[in-house]
Amino acid sequence: MSTKLPVNISTEENTTASPYPIQILREDPWHDFTKHNGYIPLAKRLMLKVISDIDECEDVWNDISPNRKLFDLWEIRKSFFESYKSDPYFLTIFEQKGLKENLLGVLPLWVDDDDYKGQYAWYGGYWPEENNFFVRDLEVIPLLLMAAPSPLCLQCIDPIPDYDFLESLHGFSFEKDKKYFMNLSKYHTVNEYLTSLKKKKRYNIKRDRKIILANHPNVILNNFSHLERLFELNIARFRGKYVDTPSEYSIFEDIRQKNLFRKFIANSHVAEPRMISTVINGNVEAVEMGFIFNRTYYALSSGANIMKYSGLGVYSNLLVIEDALKNGCEKIDFFEGDYNWKDSWNLDTFFHYKFVK
């Protein structure tokens, strides 16, 4: 995959460092942000280097990643490389101390020719959420962003208070779509959660669960061979819903997405993969896939034969909540976007930051 370079950054064997391009800090649209806060003296001490060798990227990532959330883990990001074969573009910033490079931060990017139409994006594209800036000093974040290549679209930035100072940086703003999660500290059981819902919604969910239970479902945990069935169910559901709109079809129409989920499971050593399968009359009719990491349950994707079993998607979702509670999780991450169901489930929400240039 081809890459464009920011000002004054060399890629000779991906090892040549260059002084920080001070001139960009004096130009629009950055000058208003940098003229009064000491960024120019700071930048004069710093160097930039682009890393594209995947093994060196791994070393840098593991050196600086906080490893607090699922997408902080190299085993997850490596899965994107192995599935998409997209060259990494890791922009590093550091101080030169004699022969030693004191790494201060890294902006892990790739060029996304699919969802971002040739723009630079987080390494992994649109999937990773609650992205953190991997820095040892918060003050280098705007320096990385200002020196980064363009066009650039960094979505789903974790809206932690440490990043609030970036709101005055040109191109930095809140996203429009909500991020959804369930705070499990409020509930001990699924039924406790159901009591938090509006009466009509609670009735509908209990009705759907009763309908599925009448079919005597068998719930199977962590049979990862059922991942292929998840693909089938997900593809069939979206084709049935959007018959004449291929652009709305399942992500698993793309073989790279299938490989990505296979790699997620194969590469998992720190995060715990979870799979919940619902078997009715001997057939796997619903599959949920997620991960547990740092007491958070990440509900990644699912498939359900709702054409045959009305209410099966609701029943399967309740199994995720039950599994998260049984495993002592503090929250369930249901990711960004409502998809015509999340708002009605009384979930907690917030808005990610984004940066565009």
Protein backbone atom coordinates (compact mmCIF):
# COMPACT_ATOMS: atom_id res chain seq x y z
CA MET A 1 0.00 0.00 0.00
CA SER A 2 1.39 3.40 -0.94
CA THR A 3 1.95 6.10 1.65
CA LYS A 4 2.42 9.86 1.59
CA LEU A 5 4.84 11.55 3.93
CA PRO A 6 4.42 14.53 6.21
CA VAL A 7 6.84 17.40 5.85
CA ASN A 8 10.55 16.58 6.15
CA ILE A 9 10.18 12.95 7.19
CA SER A 10 12.41 10.46 5.45
CA THR A 11 11.69 6.78 4.95
CA GLU A 12 15.16 5.62 4.02
CA GLU A 13 14.96 2.00 5.16
CA ASN A 14 12.34 3.27 7.64
CA THR A 15 15.12 4.16 10.10
CA THR A 16 16.18 7.71 9.25
CA ALA A 17 15.11 10.29 11.79
CA SER A 18 14.43 13.92 10.94
CA PRO A 19 14.19 17.03 13.11
CA TYR A 20 10.65 18.08 13.92
CA PRO A 21 9.42 20.41 11.10
CA ILE A 22 9.19 23.57 13.21
CA GLN A 23 7.84 25.67 10.33
CA ILE A 24 4.44 23.98 10.38
CA LEU A 25 3.83 25.26 13.92
CA ARG A 26 4.09 28.83 12.67
CA GLU A 27 1.59 28.29 9.88
CA ASP A 28 -2.18 28.15 9.69
CA PRO A 29 -4.20 26.42 10.99
CA TRP A 30 -1.80 25.54 13.85
CA HIS A 31 -0.34 28.92 14.78
CA ASP A 32 -3.25 29.96 17.01
CA PHE A 33 -2.74 26.79 19.06
CA THR A 34 1.07 26.95 19.31
CA LYS A 35 1.96 30.63 19.59
CA HIS A 36 1.51 31.08 23.34
CA ASN A 37 2.14 27.68 24.93
CA GLY A 38 5.79 26.74 24.39
CA TYR A 39 5.31 24.15 21.67
CA ILE A 40 7.95 25.65 19.40
CA PRO A 41 10.78 25.41 22.00
CA LEU A 42 9.63 21.87 22.83
CA ALA A 43 9.50 20.80 19.18
CA LYS A 44 13.04 22.06 18.57
CA ARG A 45 14.34 19.31 20.87
CA LEU A 46 12.43 16.52 19.16
CA MET A 47 12.87 14.15 16.24
CA LEU A 48 10.41 12.24 14.04
CA LYS A 49 10.74 8.87 12.41
CA VAL A 50 8.35 6.68 10.41
CA ILE A 51 8.41 2.95 11.11
CA SER A 52 6.91 0.52 8.60
CA ASP A 53 8.61 -2.75 9.53
CA ILE A 54 5.98 -4.81 11.33
CA ASP A 55 8.41 -6.34 13.83
CA GLU A 56 9.77 -2.93 14.81
CA CYS A 57 6.19 -1.64 15.04
CA GLU A 58 5.43 -4.45 17.46
CA ASP A 59 8.42 -3.52 19.63
CA VAL A 60 7.39 0.15 19.73
CA TRP A 61 3.74 -0.73 20.43
CA ASN A 62 4.58 -3.05 23.30
CA ASP A 63 7.00 -0.50 24.72
CA ILE A 64 4.44 2.30 24.99
CA SER A 65 0.91 0.85 24.90
CA PRO A 66 -0.96 1.16 28.24
CA ASN A 67 -2.71 -2.18 27.57
CA ARG A 68 -5.83 -1.08 29.42
CA LYS A 69 -8.39 -1.85 26.73
CA LEU A 70 -8.91 -4.53 24.11
CA PHE A 71 -7.66 -2.46 21.20
CA ASP A 72 -4.55 -1.47 23.15
CA LEU A 73 -3.33 -5.05 22.75
CA TRP A 74 -0.84 -5.85 20.01
CA GLU A 75 -2.35 -9.31 19.56
CA ILE A 76 -5.54 -7.60 18.38
CA ARG A 77 -3.88 -5.01 16.12
CA LYS A 78 -1.56 -7.65 14.65
CA SER A 79 -4.68 -9.46 13.48
CA PHE A 80 -5.47 -6.50 11.20
CA PHE A 81 -2.02 -6.69 9.63
CA GLU A 82 -2.32 -10.42 9.05
CA SER A 83 -5.79 -10.06 7.52
CA TYR A 84 -5.46 -6.88 5.47
CA LYS A 85 -1.73 -6.96 4.65
CA SER A 86 -1.68 -3.16 4.88
CA ASP A 87 1.69 -1.57 5.55
CA PRO A 88 1.92 0.15 8.92
CA TYR A 89 2.86 3.81 9.10
CA PHE A 90 3.92 4.42 12.69
CA LEU A 91 4.90 8.05 13.23
CA THR A 92 7.19 8.18 16.25
CA ILE A 93 8.39 11.24 18.18
CA PHE A 94 11.43 11.14 20.46
CA GLU A 95 14.35 12.96 22.02
CA GLN A 96 17.85 12.06 20.92
CA LYS A 97 20.03 11.46 23.99
CA GLY A 98 23.47 10.68 22.59
CA LEU A 99 23.05 7.39 20.76
CA LYS A 100 19.80 6.64 22.57
CA GLU A 101 16.34 7.51 21.27
CA ASN A 102 14.02 8.39 24.14
CA LEU A 103 10.59 7.48 22.71
CA LEU A 104 7.89 9.96 23.74
CA GLY A 105 5.00 8.83 21.58
CA VAL A 106 3.77 7.02 18.51
CA LEU A 107 0.83 7.58 16.17
CA PRO A 108 0.03 4.13 14.68
CA LEU A 109 -1.52 4.59 11.24
CA TRP A 110 -2.20 2.91 7.93
CA VAL A 111 -3.67 4.07 4.64
CA ASP A 112 -7.26 2.82 4.47
CA ASP A 113 -8.38 2.35 0.88
CA ASP A 114 -11.77 0.92 1.89
CA ASP A 115 -13.86 2.73 4.50
CA TYR A 116 -11.70 5.87 4.56
CA LYS A 117 -11.21 6.13 0.78
CA GLY A 118 -7.43 6.41 0.82
CA GLN A 119 -7.10 8.46 4.00
CA TYR A 120 -4.72 7.74 6.81
CA ALA A 121 -6.51 6.22 9.79
CA TRP A 122 -5.77 4.34 12.99
CA TYR A 123 -3.98 1.09 12.37
CA GLY A 124 -7.00 -1.19 12.13
CA GLY A 125 -9.39 1.28 10.49
CA TYR A 126 -12.91 1.74 11.83
CA TRP A 127 -13.06 -1.29 14.16
CA PRO A 128 -10.90 -0.08 17.07
CA GLU A 129 -12.78 2.17 19.51
CA GLU A 130 -11.80 4.16 22.60
CA ASN A 131 -8.41 4.73 20.97
CA ASN A 132 -5.77 6.28 23.20
CA PHE A 133 -2.78 8.34 22.23
CA PHE A 134 0.33 6.34 23.03
CA VAL A 135 2.49 9.05 24.60
CA ARG A 136 4.63 9.51 27.68
CA ASP A 137 4.00 13.25 27.68
CA LEU A 138 0.56 14.65 26.80
CA GLU A 139 2.19 17.73 25.26
CA VAL A 140 3.51 15.71 22.32
CA ILE A 141 -0.01 14.71 21.20
CA PRO A 142 -0.69 17.91 19.23
CA LEU A 143 2.85 17.79 17.84
CA LEU A 144 2.18 14.32 16.46
CA LEU A 145 -1.19 15.37 15.04
CA MET A 146 0.16 18.50 13.40
CA ALA A 147 3.07 16.61 11.81
CA ALA A 148 0.96 13.63 10.73
CA PRO A 149 0.28 13.00 7.03
CA SER A 150 -2.96 14.02 5.39
CA PRO A 151 -5.68 13.33 4.53
CA LEU A 152 -6.10 11.92 8.01
CA CYS A 153 -9.20 10.74 9.88
CA LEU A 154 -8.78 9.51 13.44
CA GLN A 155 -12.11 8.36 14.82
CA CYS A 156 -13.22 6.89 18.13
CA ILE A 157 -10.72 8.67 20.36
CA ASP A 158 -11.34 7.95 24.04
CA PRO A 159 -12.90 11.14 25.53
CA ILE A 160 -10.85 11.11 28.71
CA PRO A 161 -10.27 14.41 30.58
CA ASP A 162 -6.56 14.31 29.68
CA TYR A 163 -7.52 15.07 26.09
CA ASP A 164 -9.84 17.99 26.77
CA PHE A 165 -7.09 20.51 26.04
CA LEU A 166 -7.12 19.30 22.42
CA GLU A 167 -10.60 20.69 21.82
CA SER A 168 -9.01 23.99 20.77
CA LEU A 169 -6.82 22.24 18.18
CA HIS A 170 -8.07 22.73 14.63
CA GLY A 171 -9.77 19.55 13.41
CA PHE A 172 -10.45 18.12 16.88
CA SER A 173 -14.13 17.64 17.80
CA PHE A 174 -16.77 15.23 19.10
CA GLU A 175 -18.32 12.56 16.88
CA LYS A 176 -22.03 12.53 16.06
CA ASP A 177 -22.75 8.85 16.77
CA LYS A 178 -23.06 7.65 20.34
CA LYS A 179 -20.94 4.96 21.92
CA TYR A 180 -23.01 2.41 23.89
CA PHE A 181 -22.08 0.37 26.95
CA MET A 182 -23.78 -1.29 29.89
CA ASN A 183 -22.61 -0.46 33.40
CA LEU A 184 -22.93 -3.85 35.09
CA SER A 185 -22.28 -2.45 38.56
CA LYS A 186 -25.98 -1.56 38.60
CA TYR A 187 -27.14 -5.18 38.27
CA HIS A 188 -26.49 -8.60 39.75
CA THR A 189 -28.77 -10.58 37.43
CA VAL A 190 -30.39 -10.26 34.02
CA ASN A 191 -33.78 -9.86 35.68
CA GLU A 192 -32.46 -6.91 37.70
CA TYR A 193 -31.41 -5.31 34.45
CA LEU A 194 -34.84 -5.93 32.91
CA THR A 195 -36.51 -4.03 35.75
CA SER A 196 -34.62 -0.91 34.61
CA LEU A 197 -36.39 -0.90 31.25
CA LYS A 198 -39.62 0.78 30.31
CA LYS A 199 -42.63 -1.41 30.90
CA LYS A 200 -43.39 -2.06 27.23
CA LYS A 201 -39.77 -2.83 26.36
CA ARG A 202 -39.47 -5.17 29.34
CA TYR A 203 -42.65 -6.96 28.29
CA ASN A 204 -41.41 -7.37 24.70
CA ILE A 205 -38.05 -8.78 25.78
CA LYS A 206 -39.62 -11.24 28.21
CA ARG A 207 -42.09 -12.28 25.51
CA ASP A 208 -39.27 -12.94 23.03
CA ARG A 209 -37.32 -14.90 25.60
CA LYS A 210 -40.38 -17.00 26.40
CA ILE A 211 -40.94 -17.77 22.71
CA ILE A 212 -37.36 -19.01 22.28
CA LEU A 213 -37.39 -21.00 25.54
CA ALA A 214 -40.47 -22.83 24.24
CA ASN A 215 -38.15 -24.26 21.54
CA HIS A 216 -35.93 -25.82 24.26
CA PRO A 217 -32.67 -24.19 23.13
CA ASN A 218 -29.32 -25.64 24.10
CA VAL A 219 -26.68 -22.99 24.91
CA ILE A 220 -23.07 -23.92 24.13
CA LEU A 221 -20.10 -21.86 25.33
CA ASN A 222 -16.82 -21.37 23.50
CA ASN A 223 -17.12 -23.78 20.62
CA PHE A 224 -15.05 -21.59 18.31
CA SER A 225 -15.74 -23.76 15.29
CA HIS A 226 -19.14 -22.02 15.30
CA LEU A 227 -17.46 -18.84 14.06
CA GLU A 228 -18.10 -19.99 10.50
CA ARG A 229 -21.78 -20.34 11.34
CA LEU A 230 -21.77 -16.79 12.72
CA PHE A 231 -20.54 -15.61 9.31
CA GLU A 232 -23.33 -17.51 7.54
CA LEU A 233 -26.06 -16.20 9.83
CA ASN A 234 -24.81 -12.63 9.68
CA ILE A 235 -24.57 -12.65 5.89
CA ALA A 236 -28.04 -14.17 5.51
CA ARG A 237 -29.61 -11.66 7.89
CA PHE A 238 -28.28 -8.58 6.10
CA ARG A 239 -29.00 -9.95 2.64
CA GLY A 240 -32.57 -10.60 3.72
CA LYS A 241 -32.97 -7.15 5.23
CA TYR A 242 -31.30 -5.16 2.43
CA VAL A 243 -32.15 -7.22 -0.64
CA ASP A 244 -31.57 -4.43 -3.14
CA THR A 245 -28.83 -2.54 -1.29
CA PRO A 246 -25.53 -4.43 -1.45
CA SER A 247 -23.74 -1.55 0.27
CA GLU A 248 -25.64 -2.51 3.45
CA TYR A 249 -24.71 -6.19 3.27
CA SER A 250 -22.75 -7.93 6.03
CA ILE A 251 -19.10 -7.03 6.59
CA PHE A 252 -18.43 -10.77 6.30
CA GLU A 253 -19.08 -10.65 2.57
CA ASP A 254 -15.43 -9.55 2.58
CA ILE A 255 -13.06 -12.50 3.09
CA ARG A 256 -10.63 -10.20 4.89
CA GLN A 257 -13.22 -9.58 7.61
CA LYS A 258 -13.70 -13.30 8.06
CA ASN A 259 -9.94 -13.75 8.31
CA LEU A 260 -9.76 -10.89 10.81
CA PHE A 261 -12.15 -12.64 13.21
CA ARG A 262 -10.33 -15.92 12.75
CA LYS A 263 -7.09 -14.14 13.62
CA PHE A 264 -8.68 -12.48 16.64
CA ILE A 265 -9.27 -15.91 18.11
CA ALA A 266 -6.00 -17.48 16.95
CA ASN A 267 -3.87 -14.63 18.29
CA SER A 268 -5.60 -14.27 21.65
CA HIS A 269 -3.32 -14.89 24.60
CA VAL A 270 -4.09 -11.95 26.87
CA ALA A 271 -7.73 -11.28 25.99
CA GLU A 272 -10.21 -14.10 26.57
CA PRO A 273 -12.39 -14.91 23.54
CA ARG A 274 -16.02 -15.80 24.24
CA MET A 275 -18.51 -17.50 21.97
CA ILE A 276 -22.14 -18.22 22.85
CA SER A 277 -24.07 -20.51 20.53
CA THR A 278 -27.79 -21.25 20.65
CA VAL A 279 -28.75 -24.64 19.26
CA ILE A 280 -32.39 -25.37 18.39
CA ASN A 281 -33.52 -28.75 17.04
CA GLY A 282 -29.91 -29.74 16.50
CA ASN A 283 -28.97 -26.64 14.46
CA VAL A 284 -26.83 -23.69 15.51
CA GLU A 285 -29.25 -20.79 15.03
CA ALA A 286 -27.47 -17.94 16.83
CA VAL A 287 -23.85 -17.16 17.64
CA GLU A 288 -22.36 -14.31 19.68
CA MET A 289 -18.65 -13.51 19.65
CA GLY A 290 -16.83 -11.30 22.10
CA PHE A 291 -13.83 -10.87 24.34
CA ILE A 292 -13.27 -10.35 28.02
CA PHE A 293 -10.37 -8.12 28.92
CA ASN A 294 -9.72 -6.08 32.04
CA ARG A 295 -13.24 -6.80 33.36
CA THR A 296 -14.90 -5.48 30.21
CA TYR A 297 -16.95 -7.67 27.91
CA TYR A 298 -16.53 -6.61 24.28
CA ALA A 299 -19.56 -7.73 22.25
CA LEU A 300 -17.91 -7.79 18.82
CA SER A 301 -20.40 -9.41 16.47
CA SER A 302 -23.25 -11.87 16.16
CA GLY A 303 -25.53 -13.76 13.83
CA ALA A 304 -29.04 -15.06 14.42
CA ASN A 305 -31.67 -16.82 12.33
CA ILE A 306 -34.40 -14.31 13.16
CA MET A 307 -36.30 -15.13 9.97
CA LYS A 308 -37.04 -18.56 11.37
CA TYR A 309 -37.11 -17.75 15.08
CA SER A 310 -38.59 -14.37 15.91
CA GLY A 311 -37.03 -12.99 19.08
CA LEU A 312 -33.85 -15.05 18.78
CA GLY A 313 -31.66 -11.95 18.51
CA VAL A 314 -33.11 -10.60 21.76
CA TYR A 315 -32.66 -13.95 23.52
CA SER A 316 -29.07 -14.20 22.29
CA ASN A 317 -28.32 -10.70 23.52
CA LEU A 318 -29.59 -11.61 26.99
CA LEU A 319 -27.13 -14.50 27.00
CA VAL A 320 -24.30 -12.00 26.49
CA ILE A 321 -25.43 -10.00 29.52
CA GLU A 322 -25.72 -13.18 31.57
CA ASP A 323 -22.24 -14.35 30.49
CA ALA A 324 -20.70 -10.99 31.35
CA LEU A 325 -22.28 -11.00 34.81
CA LYS A 326 -21.18 -14.57 35.51
CA ASN A 327 -17.60 -13.67 34.57
CA GLY A 328 -17.44 -10.71 36.93
CA CYS A 329 -17.31 -8.04 34.24
CA GLU A 330 -17.88 -4.41 35.18
CA LYS A 331 -19.30 -3.36 31.82
CA ILE A 332 -20.27 -4.55 28.37
CA ASP A 333 -18.95 -2.61 25.40
CA PHE A 334 -21.65 -2.57 22.70
CA PHE A 335 -19.65 -0.26 20.42
CA GLU A 336 -20.69 2.81 18.48
CA GLY A 337 -23.96 3.25 16.58
CA ASP A 338 -27.55 2.45 17.56
CA TYR A 339 -28.40 0.01 14.72
CA ASN A 340 -32.08 0.34 15.56
CA TRP A 341 -31.91 -1.39 18.95
CA LYS A 342 -29.42 0.04 21.46
CA ASP A 343 -31.31 3.19 22.45
CA SER A 344 -34.29 1.16 23.64
CA TRP A 345 -32.14 -1.12 25.85
CA ASN A 346 -31.37 1.60 28.43
CA LEU A 347 -27.64 1.57 27.82
CA ASP A 348 -25.14 4.18 28.94
CA THR A 349 -23.61 6.37 26.26
CA PHE A 350 -20.91 8.90 25.49
CA PHE A 351 -19.40 10.52 22.42
CA HIS A 352 -15.91 9.80 21.13
CA TYR A 353 -13.53 12.49 20.04
CA LYS A 354 -12.27 12.59 16.45
CA PHE A 355 -9.48 14.42 14.61
CA VAL A 356 -9.59 15.21 10.90
CA LYS A 357 -7.13 17.04 8.65
